[in-house]
Amino acid sequence: MEVATGHESPAPVESGRVTHSCGAGLGESISIEEGRQRLLDYASPRPLRSWAGPVAGAGEIEASLGIPRSTLSKWQQRKAVVGLLRGERKLAYPLVQFVDGRPLEGVADVLRLAPDARSGWLWLRQAHGALDGHAPLELLKAGRKVDVVKVAQRDFA
């Protein structure tokens, strides 16, 4: 196999069934200040609704959906519904996870596999290649719980 010199990428060398290649490397080093600035640019704070969708507090859910606060709290503690921190101690609940005053079937299965509620909710809302580009949440609404849980087991294992 040939070794690269400089910054050019060598052409892959065929060797039986495996293709050996060399990448371009890690690139130039940057200062810690530049690294921090790039991280801030990439991971800037965003409002909860911007990534979680419409959310409501326990009082709002009780008033609009008729789910008692005590029931909502029990569901959240049992990981049957997603409760996301809003501030230091208050929870906000994504509204789309409720259907006819109950948790959407399959959400609890995913939450039990996910490392935390935030990761589980982000996973449920994002399009997934293993689910034909659909968000797992869409498929749960369509009754495809088995497909979603199977992919969640693979992803969170």
C-alpha atoms as a PDB file:
ATOM      1  CA  MET A   1       0.000   0.000   0.000  1.00  0.00           C
ATOM      2  CA  GLU A   2       1.256   3.496  -0.807  1.00  0.00           C
ATOM      3  CA  VAL A   3       1.687   6.119   1.892  1.00  0.00           C
ATOM      4  CA  ALA A   4       0.313   9.607   1.403  1.00  0.00           C
ATOM      5  CA  THR A   5       2.576  12.623   1.507  1.00  0.00           C
ATOM      6  CA  GLY A   6       1.258  16.121   2.053  1.00  0.00           C
ATOM      7  CA  HIS A   7      -2.492  16.663   2.050  1.00  0.00           C
ATOM      8  CA  GLU A   8      -3.519  14.685  -1.030  1.00  0.00           C
ATOM      9  CA  SER A   9      -5.607  11.563  -0.530  1.00  0.00           C
ATOM     10  CA  PRO A  10      -4.180   8.479  -2.200  1.00  0.00           C
ATOM     11  CA  ALA A  11      -6.398   6.351  -4.393  1.00  0.00           C
ATOM     12  CA  PRO A  12      -7.687   3.208  -2.664  1.00  0.00           C
ATOM     13  CA  VAL A  13      -5.571   0.120  -3.213  1.00  0.00           C
ATOM     14  CA  GLU A  14      -7.492  -3.062  -3.987  1.00  0.00           C
ATOM     15  CA  SER A  15      -6.314  -6.053  -2.013  1.00  0.00           C
ATOM     16  CA  GLY A  16      -8.639  -9.011  -2.462  1.00  0.00           C
ATOM     17  CA  ARG A  17     -12.039  -8.359  -0.879  1.00  0.00           C
ATOM     18  CA  VAL A  18     -10.922  -5.446   1.344  1.00  0.00           C
ATOM     19  CA  THR A  19     -10.216  -1.940   0.066  1.00  0.00           C
ATOM     20  CA  HIS A  20      -7.419  -0.198   1.960  1.00  0.00           C
ATOM     21  CA  SER A  21      -7.307   3.592   1.888  1.00  0.00           C
ATOM     22  CA  CYS A  22      -5.838   6.502   3.806  1.00  0.00           C
ATOM     23  CA  GLY A  23      -7.810   9.580   4.791  1.00  0.00           C
ATOM     24  CA  ALA A  24      -6.706  13.189   4.657  1.00  0.00           C
ATOM     25  CA  GLY A  25      -5.963  13.295   8.396  1.00  0.00           C
ATOM     26  CA  LEU A  26      -7.456  15.416  11.142  1.00  0.00           C
ATOM     27  CA  GLY A  27      -6.775  18.787   9.567  1.00  0.00           C
ATOM     28  CA  GLU A  28      -5.021  21.761  11.084  1.00  0.00           C
ATOM     29  CA  SER A  29      -4.939  22.365  14.826  1.00  0.00           C
ATOM     30  CA  ILE A  30      -6.968  25.264  16.174  1.00  0.00           C
ATOM     31  CA  SER A  31      -6.691  27.205  19.426  1.00  0.00           C
ATOM     32  CA  ILE A  32      -8.837  26.343  22.423  1.00  0.00           C
ATOM     33  CA  GLU A  33     -10.626  29.697  22.007  1.00  0.00           C
ATOM     34  CA  GLU A  34     -11.481  28.920  18.381  1.00  0.00           C
ATOM     35  CA  GLY A  35     -12.651  25.447  19.396  1.00  0.00           C
ATOM     36  CA  ARG A  36     -14.935  26.883  22.078  1.00  0.00           C
ATOM     37  CA  GLN A  37     -16.357  29.433  19.637  1.00  0.00           C
ATOM     38  CA  ARG A  38     -17.060  26.725  17.055  1.00  0.00           C
ATOM     39  CA  LEU A  39     -18.778  24.631  19.721  1.00  0.00           C
ATOM     40  CA  LEU A  40     -20.929  27.601  20.793  1.00  0.00           C
ATOM     41  CA  ASP A  41     -21.850  28.249  17.160  1.00  0.00           C
ATOM     42  CA  TYR A  42     -22.838  24.606  16.721  1.00  0.00           C
ATOM     43  CA  ALA A  43     -24.499  23.935  20.076  1.00  0.00           C
ATOM     44  CA  SER A  44     -26.247  27.185  20.818  1.00  0.00           C
ATOM     45  CA  PRO A  45     -29.093  27.149  23.352  1.00  0.00           C
ATOM     46  CA  ARG A  46     -32.526  26.704  21.814  1.00  0.00           C
ATOM     47  CA  PRO A  47     -35.983  27.103  23.292  1.00  0.00           C
ATOM     48  CA  LEU A  48     -37.617  23.841  24.368  1.00  0.00           C
ATOM     49  CA  ARG A  49     -40.457  24.148  21.837  1.00  0.00           C
ATOM     50  CA  SER A  50     -37.983  24.481  18.955  1.00  0.00           C
ATOM     51  CA  TRP A  51     -36.807  20.878  19.318  1.00  0.00           C
ATOM     52  CA  ALA A  52     -39.497  19.216  21.441  1.00  0.00           C
ATOM     53  CA  GLY A  53     -42.561  20.568  19.659  1.00  0.00           C
ATOM     54  CA  PRO A  54     -45.596  21.971  21.484  1.00  0.00           C
ATOM     55  CA  VAL A  55     -45.356  21.332  25.242  1.00  0.00           C
ATOM     56  CA  ALA A  56     -47.495  22.094  28.269  1.00  0.00           C
ATOM     57  CA  GLY A  57     -47.163  21.984  32.023  1.00  0.00           C
ATOM     58  CA  ALA A  58     -49.162  19.667  34.268  1.00  0.00           C
ATOM     59  CA  GLY A  59     -51.798  22.333  35.015  1.00  0.00           C
ATOM     60  CA  GLU A  60     -52.349  23.084  31.336  1.00  0.00           C
ATOM     61  CA  ILE A  61     -52.648  19.379  30.522  1.00  0.00           C
ATOM     62  CA  GLU A  62     -55.132  18.850  33.320  1.00  0.00           C
ATOM     63  CA  ALA A  63     -57.245  21.766  32.073  1.00  0.00           C
ATOM     64  CA  SER A  64     -57.110  20.940  28.372  1.00  0.00           C
ATOM     65  CA  LEU A  65     -56.845  17.132  28.234  1.00  0.00           C
ATOM     66  CA  GLY A  66     -58.473  16.221  31.541  1.00  0.00           C
ATOM     67  CA  ILE A  67     -55.480  14.221  32.774  1.00  0.00           C
ATOM     68  CA  PRO A  68     -55.094  14.738  36.546  1.00  0.00           C
ATOM     69  CA  ARG A  69     -51.700  16.006  37.682  1.00  0.00           C
ATOM     70  CA  SER A  70     -51.252  12.959  39.922  1.00  0.00           C
ATOM     71  CA  THR A  71     -51.820  10.603  36.976  1.00  0.00           C
ATOM     72  CA  LEU A  72     -49.415  12.564  34.807  1.00  0.00           C
ATOM     73  CA  SER A  73     -46.780  12.458  37.547  1.00  0.00           C
ATOM     74  CA  LYS A  74     -47.183   8.676  37.956  1.00  0.00           C
ATOM     75  CA  TRP A  75     -46.909   8.148  34.199  1.00  0.00           C
ATOM     76  CA  GLN A  76     -43.753  10.251  34.068  1.00  0.00           C
ATOM     77  CA  GLN A  77     -42.175   8.405  37.013  1.00  0.00           C
ATOM     78  CA  ARG A  78     -42.954   5.033  35.379  1.00  0.00           C
ATOM     79  CA  LYS A  79     -41.492   6.297  32.062  1.00  0.00           C
ATOM     80  CA  ALA A  80     -44.839   5.998  30.321  1.00  0.00           C
ATOM     81  CA  VAL A  81     -44.655   9.621  29.126  1.00  0.00           C
ATOM     82  CA  VAL A  82     -41.892  12.122  28.419  1.00  0.00           C
ATOM     83  CA  GLY A  83     -41.433  14.921  30.921  1.00  0.00           C
ATOM     84  CA  LEU A  84     -38.756  17.449  29.970  1.00  0.00           C
ATOM     85  CA  LEU A  85     -37.227  19.901  32.414  1.00  0.00           C
ATOM     86  CA  ARG A  86     -38.359  23.457  31.868  1.00  0.00           C
ATOM     87  CA  GLY A  87     -36.308  25.541  34.238  1.00  0.00           C
ATOM     88  CA  GLU A  88     -34.805  23.891  37.284  1.00  0.00           C
ATOM     89  CA  ARG A  89     -37.655  21.707  38.530  1.00  0.00           C
ATOM     90  CA  LYS A  90     -40.777  22.134  36.424  1.00  0.00           C
ATOM     91  CA  LEU A  91     -41.614  19.576  33.785  1.00  0.00           C
ATOM     92  CA  ALA A  92     -43.086  20.241  30.375  1.00  0.00           C
ATOM     93  CA  TYR A  93     -44.814  17.437  28.523  1.00  0.00           C
ATOM     94  CA  PRO A  94     -44.791  17.216  24.721  1.00  0.00           C
ATOM     95  CA  LEU A  95     -48.460  17.268  23.736  1.00  0.00           C
ATOM     96  CA  VAL A  96     -48.203  14.988  20.717  1.00  0.00           C
ATOM     97  CA  GLN A  97     -47.501  11.999  22.984  1.00  0.00           C
ATOM     98  CA  PHE A  98     -51.096  12.024  24.222  1.00  0.00           C
ATOM     99  CA  VAL A  99     -53.960  10.460  22.273  1.00  0.00           C
ATOM    100  CA  ASP A 100     -57.484  10.524  23.689  1.00  0.00           C
ATOM    101  CA  GLY A 101     -56.178  11.458  27.138  1.00  0.00           C
ATOM    102  CA  ARG A 102     -53.710   8.574  27.285  1.00  0.00           C
ATOM    103  CA  PRO A 103     -50.027   8.092  26.455  1.00  0.00           C
ATOM    104  CA  LEU A 104     -49.350   7.084  22.848  1.00  0.00           C
ATOM    105  CA  GLU A 105     -48.708   3.356  22.727  1.00  0.00           C
ATOM    106  CA  GLY A 106     -45.015   2.578  22.252  1.00  0.00           C
ATOM    107  CA  VAL A 107     -43.602   5.729  23.854  1.00  0.00           C
ATOM    108  CA  ALA A 108     -43.083   3.867  27.147  1.00  0.00           C
ATOM    109  CA  ASP A 109     -41.218   1.059  25.352  1.00  0.00           C
ATOM    110  CA  VAL A 110     -38.798   3.556  23.803  1.00  0.00           C
ATOM    111  CA  LEU A 111     -38.338   5.477  27.075  1.00  0.00           C
ATOM    112  CA  ARG A 112     -37.395   2.294  28.899  1.00  0.00           C
ATOM    113  CA  LEU A 113     -34.624   1.733  26.350  1.00  0.00           C
ATOM    114  CA  ALA A 114     -33.360   5.324  26.048  1.00  0.00           C
ATOM    115  CA  PRO A 115     -30.748   6.652  28.484  1.00  0.00           C
ATOM    116  CA  ASP A 116     -33.004   9.578  29.470  1.00  0.00           C
ATOM    117  CA  ALA A 117     -36.260  11.312  28.505  1.00  0.00           C
ATOM    118  CA  ARG A 118     -34.557  13.981  26.390  1.00  0.00           C
ATOM    119  CA  SER A 119     -32.635  11.443  24.302  1.00  0.00           C
ATOM    120  CA  GLY A 120     -35.721   9.306  23.915  1.00  0.00           C
ATOM    121  CA  TRP A 121     -37.863  12.234  22.781  1.00  0.00           C
ATOM    122  CA  LEU A 122     -35.254  13.497  20.313  1.00  0.00           C
ATOM    123  CA  TRP A 123     -34.973   9.971  18.898  1.00  0.00           C
ATOM    124  CA  LEU A 124     -38.753   9.679  18.562  1.00  0.00           C
ATOM    125  CA  ARG A 125     -39.054  12.998  16.667  1.00  0.00           C
ATOM    126  CA  GLN A 126     -36.205  12.642  14.160  1.00  0.00           C
ATOM    127  CA  ALA A 127     -36.509  10.919  10.793  1.00  0.00           C
ATOM    128  CA  HIS A 128     -34.780   7.537  10.867  1.00  0.00           C
ATOM    129  CA  GLY A 129     -33.196   5.721   7.927  1.00  0.00           C
ATOM    130  CA  ALA A 130     -34.117   2.298   9.297  1.00  0.00           C
ATOM    131  CA  LEU A 131     -37.766   3.405   9.286  1.00  0.00           C
ATOM    132  CA  ASP A 132     -37.815   4.513   5.628  1.00  0.00           C
ATOM    133  CA  GLY A 133     -37.034   8.107   6.592  1.00  0.00           C
ATOM    134  CA  HIS A 134     -40.032   8.420   8.910  1.00  0.00           C
ATOM    135  CA  ALA A 135     -39.846   9.702  12.463  1.00  0.00           C
ATOM    136  CA  PRO A 136     -40.532   6.900  14.964  1.00  0.00           C
ATOM    137  CA  LEU A 137     -43.306   9.015  16.483  1.00  0.00           C
ATOM    138  CA  GLU A 138     -45.139   9.069  13.125  1.00  0.00           C
ATOM    139  CA  LEU A 139     -45.018   5.296  12.956  1.00  0.00           C
ATOM    140  CA  LEU A 140     -46.254   4.905  16.523  1.00  0.00           C
ATOM    141  CA  LYS A 141     -49.264   7.035  15.595  1.00  0.00           C
ATOM    142  CA  ALA A 142     -49.817   4.723  12.617  1.00  0.00           C
ATOM    143  CA  GLY A 143     -49.818   1.668  14.891  1.00  0.00           C
ATOM    144  CA  ARG A 144     -46.369   0.358  13.920  1.00  0.00           C
ATOM    145  CA  LYS A 145     -45.104  -0.066  17.476  1.00  0.00           C
ATOM    146  CA  VAL A 146     -43.288  -3.350  16.757  1.00  0.00           C
ATOM    147  CA  ASP A 147     -41.170  -1.756  14.006  1.00  0.00           C
ATOM    148  CA  VAL A 148     -40.274   1.245  16.160  1.00  0.00           C
ATOM    149  CA  VAL A 149     -39.372  -0.787  19.248  1.00  0.00           C
ATOM    150  CA  LYS A 150     -37.201  -3.128  17.189  1.00  0.00           C
ATOM    151  CA  VAL A 151     -35.153  -0.180  15.851  1.00  0.00           C
ATOM    152  CA  ALA A 152     -35.016   1.428  19.312  1.00  0.00           C
ATOM    153  CA  GLN A 153     -33.639  -1.788  20.786  1.00  0.00           C
ATOM    154  CA  ARG A 154     -30.903  -1.776  18.178  1.00  0.00           C
ATOM    155  CA  ASP A 155     -30.096   1.920  18.600  1.00  0.00           C
ATOM    156  CA  PHE A 156     -30.138   2.064  22.395  1.00  0.00           C
ATOM    157  CA  ALA A 157     -28.591  -1.350  23.112  1.00  0.00           C
END
